[in-house]
Amino acid sequence: MTTTSSVPSPPRPRLLRLPDFRRLWIGDTVSQAGAAVTVLALPLVAMPPRSSSPGSAVPTPAPRRPPAPGCGTRSRRA
């Protein structure tokens, strides 16, 4: 006959009752949810819709503005 000695173990605290662990757990959960949304949403935002023309997938340069008066120009008076 085998007998097992049961040594009483100290009571373990419930982790979610500890405020530091709860903050860590909630923060990690929010971080993982944000990463999952990013993995799903980023390709959808980066890709143009299929109904658009092929040229719309190529980024166009930003329009250039004329420089402000007096910026980068020197007036030469003789």
PDB file of N, CA and C in Angstrom:
ATOM      1  N   MET A   1       0.834  -1.162   0.000  1.00  0.00           N
ATOM      2  CA  MET A   1       0.000   0.000   0.000  1.00  0.00           C
ATOM      3  C   MET A   1       0.891   1.242   0.000  1.00  0.00           C
ATOM      4  N   THR A   2       0.597   2.164  -0.873  1.00  0.00           N
ATOM      5  CA  THR A   2       1.393   3.370  -0.983  1.00  0.00           C
ATOM      6  C   THR A   2       0.701   4.494  -0.237  1.00  0.00           C
ATOM      7  N   THR A   3       1.468   5.158   0.566  1.00  0.00           N
ATOM      8  CA  THR A   3       0.899   6.298   1.279  1.00  0.00           C
ATOM      9  C   THR A   3       1.603   7.553   0.787  1.00  0.00           C
ATOM     10  N   THR A   4       0.871   8.551   0.611  1.00  0.00           N
ATOM     11  CA  THR A   4       1.454   9.827   0.219  1.00  0.00           C
ATOM     12  C   THR A   4       1.328  10.769   1.387  1.00  0.00           C
ATOM     13  N   SER A   5       2.411  11.372   1.686  1.00  0.00           N
ATOM     14  CA  SER A   5       2.366  12.335   2.779  1.00  0.00           C
ATOM     15  C   SER A   5       1.907  13.665   2.208  1.00  0.00           C
ATOM     16  N   SER A   6       0.885  14.158   2.751  1.00  0.00           N
ATOM     17  CA  SER A   6       0.384  15.445   2.275  1.00  0.00           C
ATOM     18  C   SER A   6       0.885  16.535   3.218  1.00  0.00           C
ATOM     19  N   VAL A   7       1.800  17.257   2.672  1.00  0.00           N
ATOM     20  CA  VAL A   7       2.332  18.385   3.432  1.00  0.00           C
ATOM     21  C   VAL A   7       1.471  19.585   3.071  1.00  0.00           C
ATOM     22  N   PRO A   8       0.906  20.218   4.059  1.00  0.00           N
ATOM     23  CA  PRO A   8       0.057  21.367   3.727  1.00  0.00           C
ATOM     24  C   PRO A   8       0.896  22.491   3.122  1.00  0.00           C
ATOM     25  N   SER A   9       0.493  22.911   1.949  1.00  0.00           N
ATOM     26  CA  SER A   9       1.207  24.009   1.307  1.00  0.00           C
ATOM     27  C   SER A   9       0.585  25.327   1.754  1.00  0.00           C
ATOM     28  N   PRO A  10       1.395  26.358   1.762  1.00  0.00           N
ATOM     29  CA  PRO A  10       0.842  27.654   2.174  1.00  0.00           C
ATOM     30  C   PRO A  10      -0.190  28.114   1.152  1.00  0.00           C
ATOM     31  N   PRO A  11      -1.185  28.821   1.585  1.00  0.00           N
ATOM     32  CA  PRO A  11      -2.210  29.272   0.637  1.00  0.00           C
ATOM     33  C   PRO A  11      -1.605  30.234  -0.391  1.00  0.00           C
ATOM     34  N   ARG A  12      -1.933  29.994  -1.636  1.00  0.00           N
ATOM     35  CA  ARG A  12      -1.428  30.862  -2.697  1.00  0.00           C
ATOM     36  C   ARG A  12      -2.366  32.040  -2.863  1.00  0.00           C
ATOM     37  N   PRO A  13      -1.822  33.222  -3.021  1.00  0.00           N
ATOM     38  CA  PRO A  13      -2.706  34.372  -3.218  1.00  0.00           C
ATOM     39  C   PRO A  13      -3.329  34.321  -4.614  1.00  0.00           C
ATOM     40  N   ARG A  14      -4.513  34.766  -4.712  1.00  0.00           N
ATOM     41  CA  ARG A  14      -5.157  34.851  -6.016  1.00  0.00           C
ATOM     42  C   ARG A  14      -4.525  36.018  -6.750  1.00  0.00           C
ATOM     43  N   LEU A  15      -3.963  35.710  -7.916  1.00  0.00           N
ATOM     44  CA  LEU A  15      -3.160  36.712  -8.610  1.00  0.00           C
ATOM     45  C   LEU A  15      -3.962  37.937  -9.025  1.00  0.00           C
ATOM     46  N   LEU A  16      -5.191  37.735  -9.457  1.00  0.00           N
ATOM     47  CA  LEU A  16      -5.955  38.895  -9.914  1.00  0.00           C
ATOM     48  C   LEU A  16      -6.365  39.815  -8.768  1.00  0.00           C
ATOM     49  N   ARG A  17      -6.170  39.367  -7.534  1.00  0.00           N
ATOM     50  CA  ARG A  17      -6.456  40.249  -6.402  1.00  0.00           C
ATOM     51  C   ARG A  17      -5.276  41.167  -6.089  1.00  0.00           C
ATOM     52  N   LEU A  18      -4.110  40.849  -6.654  1.00  0.00           N
ATOM     53  CA  LEU A  18      -2.943  41.695  -6.444  1.00  0.00           C
ATOM     54  C   LEU A  18      -2.973  42.834  -7.460  1.00  0.00           C
ATOM     55  N   PRO A  19      -2.969  44.091  -7.005  1.00  0.00           N
ATOM     56  CA  PRO A  19      -3.123  45.209  -7.937  1.00  0.00           C
ATOM     57  C   PRO A  19      -1.992  45.297  -8.969  1.00  0.00           C
ATOM     58  N   ASP A  20      -0.766  45.003  -8.575  1.00  0.00           N
ATOM     59  CA  ASP A  20       0.341  45.096  -9.537  1.00  0.00           C
ATOM     60  C   ASP A  20       0.192  44.056 -10.647  1.00  0.00           C
ATOM     61  N   PHE A  21      -0.155  42.834 -10.271  1.00  0.00           N
ATOM     62  CA  PHE A  21      -0.347  41.798 -11.282  1.00  0.00           C
ATOM     63  C   PHE A  21      -1.543  42.116 -12.163  1.00  0.00           C
ATOM     64  N   ARG A  22      -2.610  42.648 -11.584  1.00  0.00           N
ATOM     65  CA  ARG A  22      -3.801  42.995 -12.363  1.00  0.00           C
ATOM     66  C   ARG A  22      -3.467  44.059 -13.400  1.00  0.00           C
ATOM     67  N   ARG A  23      -2.676  45.071 -13.017  1.00  0.00           N
ATOM     68  CA  ARG A  23      -2.250  46.096 -13.980  1.00  0.00           C
ATOM     69  C   ARG A  23      -1.410  45.487 -15.094  1.00  0.00           C
ATOM     70  N   LEU A  24      -0.493  44.596 -14.718  1.00  0.00           N
ATOM     71  CA  LEU A  24       0.343  43.930 -15.704  1.00  0.00           C
ATOM     72  C   LEU A  24      -0.516  43.097 -16.649  1.00  0.00           C
ATOM     73  N   TRP A  25      -1.460  42.357 -16.123  1.00  0.00           N
ATOM     74  CA  TRP A  25      -2.304  41.484 -16.919  1.00  0.00           C
ATOM     75  C   TRP A  25      -3.187  42.292 -17.866  1.00  0.00           C
ATOM     76  N   ILE A  26      -3.784  43.365 -17.357  1.00  0.00           N
ATOM     77  CA  ILE A  26      -4.643  44.208 -18.196  1.00  0.00           C
ATOM     78  C   ILE A  26      -3.813  44.895 -19.272  1.00  0.00           C
ATOM     79  N   GLY A  27      -2.648  45.399 -18.912  1.00  0.00           N
ATOM     80  CA  GLY A  27      -1.782  46.051 -19.892  1.00  0.00           C
ATOM     81  C   GLY A  27      -1.339  45.101 -20.989  1.00  0.00           C
ATOM     82  N   ASP A  28      -0.984  43.889 -20.622  1.00  0.00           N
ATOM     83  CA  ASP A  28      -0.574  42.911 -21.620  1.00  0.00           C
ATOM     84  C   ASP A  28      -1.744  42.518 -22.509  1.00  0.00           C
ATOM     85  N   THR A  29      -2.931  42.388 -21.945  1.00  0.00           N
ATOM     86  CA  THR A  29      -4.112  42.046 -22.729  1.00  0.00           C
ATOM     87  C   THR A  29      -4.419  43.138 -23.747  1.00  0.00           C
ATOM     88  N   VAL A  30      -4.361  44.395 -23.317  1.00  0.00           N
ATOM     89  CA  VAL A  30      -4.612  45.517 -24.226  1.00  0.00           C
ATOM     90  C   VAL A  30      -3.535  45.564 -25.313  1.00  0.00           C
ATOM     91  N   SER A  31      -2.286  45.307 -24.937  1.00  0.00           N
ATOM     92  CA  SER A  31      -1.201  45.313 -25.911  1.00  0.00           C
ATOM     93  C   SER A  31      -1.383  44.229 -26.959  1.00  0.00           C
ATOM     94  N   GLN A  32      -1.752  43.042 -26.544  1.00  0.00           N
ATOM     95  CA  GLN A  32      -1.962  41.955 -27.495  1.00  0.00           C
ATOM     96  C   GLN A  32      -3.166  42.223 -28.396  1.00  0.00           C
ATOM     97  N   ALA A  33      -4.205  42.822 -27.843  1.00  0.00           N
ATOM     98  CA  ALA A  33      -5.368  43.163 -28.665  1.00  0.00           C
ATOM     99  C   ALA A  33      -4.997  44.219 -29.707  1.00  0.00           C
ATOM    100  N   GLY A  34      -4.210  45.204 -29.302  1.00  0.00           N
ATOM    101  CA  GLY A  34      -3.763  46.222 -30.257  1.00  0.00           C
ATOM    102  C   GLY A  34      -2.888  45.643 -31.347  1.00  0.00           C
ATOM    103  N   ALA A  35      -2.022  44.705 -30.992  1.00  0.00           N
ATOM    104  CA  ALA A  35      -1.172  44.060 -31.992  1.00  0.00           C
ATOM    105  C   ALA A  35      -2.019  43.258 -32.973  1.00  0.00           C
ATOM    106  N   ALA A  36      -3.051  42.588 -32.484  1.00  0.00           N
ATOM    107  CA  ALA A  36      -3.920  41.816 -33.370  1.00  0.00           C
ATOM    108  C   ALA A  36      -4.691  42.728 -34.317  1.00  0.00           C
ATOM    109  N   VAL A  37      -5.159  43.862 -33.814  1.00  0.00           N
ATOM    110  CA  VAL A  37      -5.865  44.814 -34.671  1.00  0.00           C
ATOM    111  C   VAL A  37      -4.909  45.375 -35.720  1.00  0.00           C
ATOM    112  N   THR A  38      -3.686  45.663 -35.327  1.00  0.00           N
ATOM    113  CA  THR A  38      -2.707  46.187 -36.270  1.00  0.00           C
ATOM    114  C   THR A  38      -2.402  45.180 -37.367  1.00  0.00           C
ATOM    115  N   VAL A  39      -2.250  43.920 -37.001  1.00  0.00           N
ATOM    116  CA  VAL A  39      -1.970  42.888 -37.991  1.00  0.00           C
ATOM    117  C   VAL A  39      -3.119  42.790 -38.990  1.00  0.00           C
ATOM    118  N   LEU A  40      -4.337  42.980 -38.530  1.00  0.00           N
ATOM    119  CA  LEU A  40      -5.490  42.906 -39.417  1.00  0.00           C
ATOM    120  C   LEU A  40      -5.685  44.200 -40.200  1.00  0.00           C
ATOM    121  N   ALA A  41      -5.599  45.336 -39.548  1.00  0.00           N
ATOM    122  CA  ALA A  41      -5.989  46.599 -40.168  1.00  0.00           C
ATOM    123  C   ALA A  41      -4.904  47.214 -41.042  1.00  0.00           C
ATOM    124  N   LEU A  42      -3.648  47.055 -40.702  1.00  0.00           N
ATOM    125  CA  LEU A  42      -2.591  47.721 -41.455  1.00  0.00           C
ATOM    126  C   LEU A  42      -2.566  47.305 -42.921  1.00  0.00           C
ATOM    127  N   PRO A  43      -2.642  46.039 -43.255  1.00  0.00           N
ATOM    128  CA  PRO A  43      -2.683  45.696 -44.682  1.00  0.00           C
ATOM    129  C   PRO A  43      -3.935  46.234 -45.380  1.00  0.00           C
ATOM    130  N   LEU A  44      -5.047  46.308 -44.667  1.00  0.00           N
ATOM    131  CA  LEU A  44      -6.264  46.832 -45.277  1.00  0.00           C
ATOM    132  C   LEU A  44      -6.150  48.321 -45.563  1.00  0.00           C
ATOM    133  N   VAL A  45      -5.465  49.038 -44.707  1.00  0.00           N
ATOM    134  CA  VAL A  45      -5.302  50.474 -44.897  1.00  0.00           C
ATOM    135  C   VAL A  45      -4.250  50.748 -45.967  1.00  0.00           C
ATOM    136  N   ALA A  46      -3.209  49.936 -46.019  1.00  0.00           N
ATOM    137  CA  ALA A  46      -2.107  50.174 -46.940  1.00  0.00           C
ATOM    138  C   ALA A  46      -2.468  49.817 -48.373  1.00  0.00           C
ATOM    139  N   MET A  47      -3.355  48.872 -48.571  1.00  0.00           N
ATOM    140  CA  MET A  47      -3.711  48.450 -49.928  1.00  0.00           C
ATOM    141  C   MET A  47      -4.837  49.321 -50.461  1.00  0.00           C
ATOM    142  N   PRO A  48      -4.741  49.734 -51.720  1.00  0.00           N
ATOM    143  CA  PRO A  48      -5.844  50.512 -52.304  1.00  0.00           C
ATOM    144  C   PRO A  48      -7.024  49.592 -52.602  1.00  0.00           C
ATOM    145  N   PRO A  49      -8.205  50.132 -52.758  1.00  0.00           N
ATOM    146  CA  PRO A  49      -9.351  49.296 -53.105  1.00  0.00           C
ATOM    147  C   PRO A  49      -9.164  48.669 -54.486  1.00  0.00           C
ATOM    148  N   ARG A  50      -9.767  47.518 -54.720  1.00  0.00           N
ATOM    149  CA  ARG A  50      -9.591  46.812 -55.996  1.00  0.00           C
ATOM    150  C   ARG A  50     -10.239  47.551 -57.153  1.00  0.00           C
ATOM    151  N   SER A  51     -11.201  48.387 -56.890  1.00  0.00           N
ATOM    152  CA  SER A  51     -11.908  49.068 -57.972  1.00  0.00           C
ATOM    153  C   SER A  51     -11.145  50.275 -58.508  1.00  0.00           C
ATOM    154  N   SER A  52     -10.031  50.614 -57.891  1.00  0.00           N
ATOM    155  CA  SER A  52      -9.298  51.791 -58.341  1.00  0.00           C
ATOM    156  C   SER A  52      -8.419  51.441 -59.535  1.00  0.00           C
ATOM    157  N   SER A  53      -7.939  52.464 -60.197  1.00  0.00           N
ATOM    158  CA  SER A  53      -7.092  52.261 -61.368  1.00  0.00           C
ATOM    159  C   SER A  53      -5.700  51.807 -60.935  1.00  0.00           C
ATOM    160  N   PRO A  54      -4.947  51.147 -61.825  1.00  0.00           N
ATOM    161  CA  PRO A  54      -3.616  50.654 -61.441  1.00  0.00           C
ATOM    162  C   PRO A  54      -2.651  51.773 -61.054  1.00  0.00           C
ATOM    163  N   GLY A  55      -2.825  52.939 -61.615  1.00  0.00           N
ATOM    164  CA  GLY A  55      -1.918  54.038 -61.303  1.00  0.00           C
ATOM    165  C   GLY A  55      -2.114  54.613 -59.914  1.00  0.00           C
ATOM    166  N   SER A  56      -3.238  54.316 -59.290  1.00  0.00           N
ATOM    167  CA  SER A  56      -3.487  54.885 -57.971  1.00  0.00           C
ATOM    168  C   SER A  56      -2.682  54.191 -56.878  1.00  0.00           C
ATOM    169  N   ALA A  57      -2.102  53.026 -57.190  1.00  0.00           N
ATOM    170  CA  ALA A  57      -1.295  52.331 -56.193  1.00  0.00           C
ATOM    171  C   ALA A  57       0.078  52.976 -56.037  1.00  0.00           C
ATOM    172  N   VAL A  58       0.475  53.772 -57.025  1.00  0.00           N
ATOM    173  CA  VAL A  58       1.776  54.432 -56.965  1.00  0.00           C
ATOM    174  C   VAL A  58       1.606  55.737 -56.203  1.00  0.00           C
ATOM    175  N   PRO A  59       2.390  55.943 -55.168  1.00  0.00           N
ATOM    176  CA  PRO A  59       2.242  57.192 -54.418  1.00  0.00           C
ATOM    177  C   PRO A  59       2.651  58.393 -55.262  1.00  0.00           C
ATOM    178  N   THR A  60       1.913  59.447 -55.123  1.00  0.00           N
ATOM    179  CA  THR A  60       2.230  60.669 -55.861  1.00  0.00           C
ATOM    180  C   THR A  60       2.973  61.614 -54.932  1.00  0.00           C
ATOM    181  N   PRO A  61       3.874  62.403 -55.487  1.00  0.00           N
ATOM    182  CA  PRO A  61       4.604  63.331 -54.613  1.00  0.00           C
ATOM    183  C   PRO A  61       3.671  64.421 -54.085  1.00  0.00           C
ATOM    184  N   ALA A  62       4.019  64.931 -52.955  1.00  0.00           N
ATOM    185  CA  ALA A  62       3.224  65.996 -52.350  1.00  0.00           C
ATOM    186  C   ALA A  62       3.373  67.264 -53.185  1.00  0.00           C
ATOM    187  N   PRO A  63       2.323  68.065 -53.271  1.00  0.00           N
ATOM    188  CA  PRO A  63       2.441  69.308 -54.043  1.00  0.00           C
ATOM    189  C   PRO A  63       3.462  70.237 -53.391  1.00  0.00           C
ATOM    190  N   ARG A  64       4.219  70.913 -54.230  1.00  0.00           N
ATOM    191  CA  ARG A  64       5.246  71.821 -53.709  1.00  0.00           C
ATOM    192  C   ARG A  64       4.651  73.196 -53.513  1.00  0.00           C
ATOM    193  N   ARG A  65       5.037  73.801 -52.421  1.00  0.00           N
ATOM    194  CA  ARG A  65       4.588  75.159 -52.147  1.00  0.00           C
ATOM    195  C   ARG A  65       5.717  76.125 -52.480  1.00  0.00           C
ATOM    196  N   PRO A  66       5.391  77.300 -52.934  1.00  0.00           N
ATOM    197  CA  PRO A  66       6.455  78.274 -53.170  1.00  0.00           C
ATOM    198  C   PRO A  66       7.050  78.710 -51.828  1.00  0.00           C
ATOM    199  N   PRO A  67       8.324  79.048 -51.811  1.00  0.00           N
ATOM    200  CA  PRO A  67       8.923  79.470 -50.535  1.00  0.00           C
ATOM    201  C   PRO A  67       8.299  80.771 -50.042  1.00  0.00           C
ATOM    202  N   ALA A  68       8.342  80.940 -48.766  1.00  0.00           N
ATOM    203  CA  ALA A  68       7.817  82.163 -48.170  1.00  0.00           C
ATOM    204  C   ALA A  68       8.682  83.346 -48.609  1.00  0.00           C
ATOM    205  N   PRO A  69       8.085  84.522 -48.715  1.00  0.00           N
ATOM    206  CA  PRO A  69       8.867  85.688 -49.148  1.00  0.00           C
ATOM    207  C   PRO A  69      10.041  85.935 -48.205  1.00  0.00           C
ATOM    208  N   GLY A  70      11.205  86.093 -48.786  1.00  0.00           N
ATOM    209  CA  GLY A  70      12.395  86.394 -48.005  1.00  0.00           C
ATOM    210  C   GLY A  70      13.136  85.182 -47.490  1.00  0.00           C
ATOM    211  N   CYS A  71      12.603  83.990 -47.661  1.00  0.00           N
ATOM    212  CA  CYS A  71      13.272  82.791 -47.177  1.00  0.00           C
ATOM    213  C   CYS A  71      14.185  82.229 -48.260  1.00  0.00           C
ATOM    214  N   GLY A  72      15.439  82.151 -47.978  1.00  0.00           N
ATOM    215  CA  GLY A  72      16.380  81.540 -48.898  1.00  0.00           C
ATOM    216  C   GLY A  72      16.751  82.400 -50.071  1.00  0.00           C
ATOM    217  N   THR A  73      16.294  83.608 -50.120  1.00  0.00           N
ATOM    218  CA  THR A  73      16.678  84.490 -51.236  1.00  0.00           C
ATOM    219  C   THR A  73      17.406  85.687 -50.661  1.00  0.00           C
ATOM    220  N   ARG A  74      18.376  86.123 -51.391  1.00  0.00           N
ATOM    221  CA  ARG A  74      19.116  87.328 -50.979  1.00  0.00           C
ATOM    222  C   ARG A  74      18.888  88.418 -52.024  1.00  0.00           C
ATOM    223  N   SER A  75      18.553  89.528 -51.554  1.00  0.00           N
ATOM    224  CA  SER A  75      18.396  90.632 -52.498  1.00  0.00           C
ATOM    225  C   SER A  75      19.749  91.303 -52.663  1.00  0.00           C
ATOM    226  N   ARG A  76      20.123  91.445 -53.894  1.00  0.00           N
ATOM    227  CA  ARG A  76      21.422  92.070 -54.188  1.00  0.00           C
ATOM    228  C   ARG A  76      21.161  93.466 -54.749  1.00  0.00           C
ATOM    229  N   ARG A  77      21.631  94.387 -54.060  1.00  0.00           N
ATOM    230  CA  ARG A  77      21.498  95.770 -54.533  1.00  0.00           C
ATOM    231  C   ARG A  77      22.874  96.300 -54.869  1.00  0.00           C
ATOM    232  N   ALA A  78      22.956  96.856 -56.001  1.00  0.00           N
ATOM    233  CA  ALA A  78      24.252  97.375 -56.413  1.00  0.00           C
ATOM    234  C   ALA A  78      24.394  98.834 -56.093  1.00  0.00           C
TER     235      ALA A  78
END
